[in-house]
């Protein structure tokens, strides 16, 4: 785009900046959500809660399935595998 195009789009610069910021926040949230290290820590905590009697088997199974689905998605797509956080 040339100088004239940039000048015409100048009033929309704050909107473009806001969209970029929202995309960056969304990408970081998704990376953290699918981080295998975080998911494994949540699985360990979930097992501790089961052993402590805070959860029944049915609730544990449901929550464990959700976490394992996230882990599978992460390992398959590599979404949360950056920044050296995987173990």
Protein backbone atom coordinates (compact mmCIF):
# COMPACT_ATOMS: atom_id res chain seq x y z
CA UNK A 1 0.00 0.00 0.00
CA UNK A 2 1.31 3.40 -0.86
CA UNK A 3 1.46 6.62 1.05
CA UNK A 4 -2.05 7.65 0.00
CA UNK A 5 -3.49 4.34 1.15
CA UNK A 6 -1.75 4.68 4.52
CA UNK A 7 -3.07 8.23 4.90
CA UNK A 8 -6.61 7.11 4.10
CA UNK A 9 -6.39 4.29 6.65
CA UNK A 10 -4.80 6.46 9.35
CA UNK A 11 -8.11 7.07 11.19
CA UNK A 12 -8.41 3.29 11.59
CA UNK A 13 -4.96 2.88 13.18
CA UNK A 14 -6.32 2.56 16.75
CA UNK A 15 -8.71 -0.17 15.62
CA UNK A 16 -5.93 -2.04 13.81
CA UNK A 17 -3.73 -1.72 16.90
CA UNK A 18 -6.51 -3.01 19.15
CA UNK A 19 -7.11 -5.99 16.87
CA UNK A 20 -3.40 -6.82 16.90
CA UNK A 21 -3.37 -6.63 20.71
CA UNK A 22 -6.44 -8.86 20.99
CA UNK A 23 -4.83 -11.44 18.66
CA UNK A 24 -1.66 -11.43 20.77
CA UNK A 25 -3.61 -11.90 24.02
CA UNK A 26 -5.66 -14.70 22.48
CA UNK A 27 -2.54 -16.46 21.19
CA UNK A 28 -0.87 -16.30 24.62
CA UNK A 29 -4.00 -17.54 26.38
CA UNK A 30 -4.24 -20.44 23.95
CA UNK A 31 -0.54 -21.26 24.43
CA UNK A 32 -0.98 -21.38 28.20
CA UNK A 33 -4.21 -23.39 27.96
CA UNK A 34 -2.54 -26.07 25.82
CA UNK A 35 0.86 -26.06 27.57
CA UNK A 36 1.63 -29.74 28.32
CA UNK A 37 3.51 -28.85 31.52
CA UNK A 38 0.48 -26.97 32.85
CA UNK A 39 -1.88 -29.78 31.88
CA UNK A 40 0.31 -32.40 33.59
CA UNK A 41 0.41 -30.26 36.74
CA UNK A 42 -3.39 -29.98 36.65
CA UNK A 43 -3.65 -33.77 36.27
CA UNK A 44 -1.41 -34.27 39.32
CA UNK A 45 -3.50 -31.81 41.34
CA UNK A 46 -6.66 -33.54 40.21
CA UNK A 47 -5.34 -36.89 41.42
CA UNK A 48 -4.40 -35.33 44.77
CA UNK A 49 -7.93 -33.98 45.11
CA UNK A 50 -9.34 -37.45 44.41
CA UNK A 51 -7.08 -39.05 47.01
CA UNK A 52 -8.03 -36.36 49.55
CA UNK A 53 -11.71 -37.12 48.99
CA UNK A 54 -12.53 -33.72 47.50
CA UNK A 55 -13.82 -35.36 44.31
CA UNK A 56 -15.82 -38.48 43.62
CA UNK A 57 -14.81 -40.94 40.88
CA UNK A 58 -17.37 -39.64 38.39
CA UNK A 59 -16.26 -36.01 38.71
CA UNK A 60 -12.61 -37.07 38.59
CA UNK A 61 -13.17 -39.09 35.40
CA UNK A 62 -14.98 -36.20 33.72
CA UNK A 63 -12.28 -33.67 34.59
CA UNK A 64 -9.48 -36.09 33.73
CA UNK A 65 -11.01 -36.72 30.29
CA UNK A 66 -11.12 -32.96 29.63
CA UNK A 67 -7.48 -32.56 30.62
CA UNK A 68 -6.38 -35.55 28.56
CA UNK A 69 -8.25 -34.17 25.54
CA UNK A 70 -6.37 -30.87 25.96
CA UNK A 71 -3.07 -32.73 26.28
CA UNK A 72 -3.79 -34.77 23.17
CA UNK A 73 -4.67 -31.62 21.22
CA UNK A 74 -1.50 -29.95 22.43
CA UNK A 75 0.73 -32.85 21.46
CA UNK A 76 -0.99 -33.29 18.10
CA UNK A 77 -0.95 -29.62 17.08
CA UNK A 78 2.02 -28.35 19.05
CA UNK A 79 0.02 -25.31 20.20
CA UNK A 80 1.47 -25.00 23.71
CA UNK A 81 4.88 -26.41 22.92
CA UNK A 82 6.85 -23.20 22.51
CA UNK A 83 8.89 -21.12 24.97
CA UNK A 84 10.58 -24.25 26.35
CA UNK A 85 7.80 -25.03 28.80
CA UNK A 86 7.25 -28.63 27.76
CA UNK A 87 8.78 -31.39 29.84
